[in-house]
Amino acid sequence: MISREQAETFDRPAAEKLFTHTGGGFFHNHTVGLHQVDLVSSYRSALVQWFVGDPKQPTLAEALLDHPALREKILAASLQCPVAGGVPCERLDIAAYGRFILTVKCPDGVAPEPFVQKARRAGNLS
């Protein structure tokens, strides 16, 4: 939620110091910061980037589905540091090209097993 220059000057040194001294870090971000997903993925000892939605900003799922340039940036960054957030289960195929930790909300009364099986089929883990 700051500029790239401010992130390099202030955020990176503090985050890397914390992450390296504690064995790794979980970087909480907002979708307004998706444009910096590549920067954060290069932070030393960052273990995962977690994105939550912001008003009037694309969600992580929308960025992956509807914004090709941002999708490529997110996919490439996820190979360095996994990206976490919500992605609709019907579009899990996109997530197979990167490393993601996904949250899927099942409708009330619907068992999660079909969603789990679909995620396993879409995954790229052997």
Protein backbone atom coordinates (compact mmCIF):
# COMPACT_ATOMS: atom_id res chain seq x y z
CA MET A 1 0.00 0.00 0.00
CA ILE A 2 3.10 2.14 -0.53
CA SER A 3 5.09 2.96 -3.63
CA ARG A 4 7.69 0.58 -4.99
CA GLU A 5 10.44 3.04 -4.07
CA GLN A 6 9.19 3.31 -0.47
CA ALA A 7 8.90 -0.46 -0.28
CA GLU A 8 12.53 -0.85 -1.35
CA THR A 9 13.70 1.85 1.08
CA PHE A 10 11.62 1.08 4.16
CA ASP A 11 9.68 -2.17 3.89
CA ARG A 12 12.23 -4.56 2.39
CA PRO A 13 15.00 -3.98 4.96
CA ALA A 14 12.63 -4.32 7.92
CA ALA A 15 10.74 -7.30 6.52
CA GLU A 16 13.90 -9.15 5.51
CA LYS A 17 15.47 -8.55 8.93
CA LEU A 18 12.36 -9.88 10.66
CA PHE A 19 11.94 -12.82 8.28
CA THR A 20 15.56 -13.95 8.41
CA HIS A 21 15.76 -13.70 12.20
CA THR A 22 12.54 -15.65 12.75
CA GLY A 23 12.99 -18.43 10.21
CA GLY A 24 10.73 -16.99 7.52
CA GLY A 25 7.79 -14.71 7.10
CA PHE A 26 4.16 -14.54 6.06
CA PHE A 27 3.61 -11.31 4.09
CA HIS A 28 0.07 -9.97 4.40
CA ASN A 29 -0.91 -7.71 1.52
CA HIS A 30 -3.98 -6.18 -0.08
CA THR A 31 -4.98 -6.52 -3.71
CA VAL A 32 -4.19 -2.84 -4.19
CA GLY A 33 -0.60 -4.11 -3.81
CA LEU A 34 -0.79 -6.84 -6.47
CA HIS A 35 1.38 -4.69 -8.72
CA GLN A 36 4.24 -5.33 -6.27
CA VAL A 37 3.82 -9.11 -6.07
CA ASP A 38 7.15 -9.58 -7.87
CA LEU A 39 8.99 -7.28 -5.47
CA VAL A 40 7.71 -9.01 -2.35
CA SER A 41 8.44 -12.45 -3.82
CA SER A 42 12.11 -11.45 -3.92
CA TYR A 43 12.28 -10.61 -0.20
CA ARG A 44 14.75 -12.87 1.57
CA SER A 45 13.03 -15.50 3.71
CA ALA A 46 9.49 -14.60 2.58
CA LEU A 47 7.57 -17.88 2.76
CA VAL A 48 4.16 -16.83 1.45
CA GLN A 49 2.28 -13.73 0.28
CA TRP A 50 -1.34 -13.56 1.40
CA PHE A 51 -3.71 -11.23 -0.46
CA VAL A 52 -7.02 -9.92 0.78
CA GLY A 53 -9.45 -7.95 -1.35
CA ASP A 54 -9.85 -4.19 -1.48
CA PRO A 55 -12.84 -2.21 -2.73
CA LYS A 56 -12.60 -1.12 -6.37
CA GLN A 57 -9.58 -3.38 -6.96
CA PRO A 58 -9.49 -6.72 -8.74
CA THR A 59 -9.49 -9.69 -6.43
CA LEU A 60 -6.65 -12.18 -6.74
CA ALA A 61 -8.99 -14.40 -8.77
CA GLU A 62 -10.02 -11.53 -11.07
CA ALA A 63 -6.37 -10.57 -11.58
CA LEU A 64 -5.57 -14.15 -12.58
CA LEU A 65 -8.61 -14.48 -14.83
CA ASP A 66 -9.14 -11.06 -16.38
CA HIS A 67 -5.80 -9.20 -16.41
CA PRO A 68 -3.28 -11.07 -18.59
CA ALA A 69 -0.21 -8.93 -17.81
CA LEU A 70 -0.89 -9.03 -14.07
CA ARG A 71 -1.64 -12.77 -14.28
CA GLU A 72 1.82 -13.40 -15.77
CA LYS A 73 3.45 -11.28 -13.06
CA ILE A 74 1.56 -13.16 -10.30
CA LEU A 75 2.34 -16.58 -11.78
CA ALA A 76 6.05 -15.77 -12.12
CA ALA A 77 6.21 -14.32 -8.60
CA SER A 78 4.42 -17.36 -7.16
CA LEU A 79 7.25 -19.59 -8.38
CA GLN A 80 9.62 -17.66 -6.08
CA CYS A 81 7.23 -17.27 -3.14
CA PRO A 82 3.80 -18.93 -3.02
CA VAL A 83 0.79 -16.63 -3.32
CA ALA A 84 -2.25 -17.24 -1.14
CA GLY A 85 -5.82 -16.10 -1.49
CA GLY A 86 -9.19 -17.06 -2.86
CA VAL A 87 -9.63 -18.46 -6.35
CA PRO A 88 -12.90 -19.86 -7.66
CA CYS A 89 -12.70 -23.64 -7.81
CA GLU A 90 -13.97 -23.66 -11.39
CA ARG A 91 -10.78 -21.86 -12.46
CA LEU A 92 -8.19 -23.86 -10.58
CA ASP A 93 -6.51 -24.68 -13.89
CA ILE A 94 -4.80 -21.27 -13.86
CA ALA A 95 -3.29 -21.94 -10.44
CA ALA A 96 -1.57 -25.06 -11.81
CA TYR A 97 0.97 -22.78 -13.54
CA GLY A 98 2.25 -21.31 -10.28
CA ARG A 99 2.51 -22.07 -6.57
CA PHE A 100 -0.60 -21.10 -4.66
CA ILE A 101 -2.29 -21.66 -1.34
CA LEU A 102 -5.97 -21.37 -2.13
CA THR A 103 -9.02 -20.81 -0.04
CA VAL A 104 -12.32 -22.07 -1.37
CA LYS A 105 -15.59 -21.38 0.39
CA CYS A 106 -18.12 -24.11 -0.11
CA PRO A 107 -21.75 -23.10 -0.31
CA ASP A 108 -23.79 -23.96 2.79
CA GLY A 109 -24.63 -27.64 2.91
CA VAL A 110 -22.15 -28.59 0.18
CA ALA A 111 -19.42 -31.07 1.08
CA PRO A 112 -15.85 -29.92 0.36
CA GLU A 113 -14.65 -33.26 -1.08
CA PRO A 114 -15.48 -32.46 -4.74
CA PHE A 115 -13.55 -29.19 -4.44
CA VAL A 116 -10.57 -30.98 -2.87
CA GLN A 117 -10.55 -33.56 -5.68
CA LYS A 118 -10.75 -30.83 -8.31
CA ALA A 119 -7.83 -28.99 -6.69
CA ARG A 120 -5.77 -32.20 -6.70
CA ARG A 121 -6.52 -32.81 -10.38
CA ALA A 122 -5.58 -29.21 -11.27
CA GLY A 123 -2.44 -29.23 -9.15
CA ASN A 124 1.07 -29.65 -10.43
CA LEU A 125 2.41 -31.60 -7.46
CA SER A 126 3.65 -35.12 -8.11
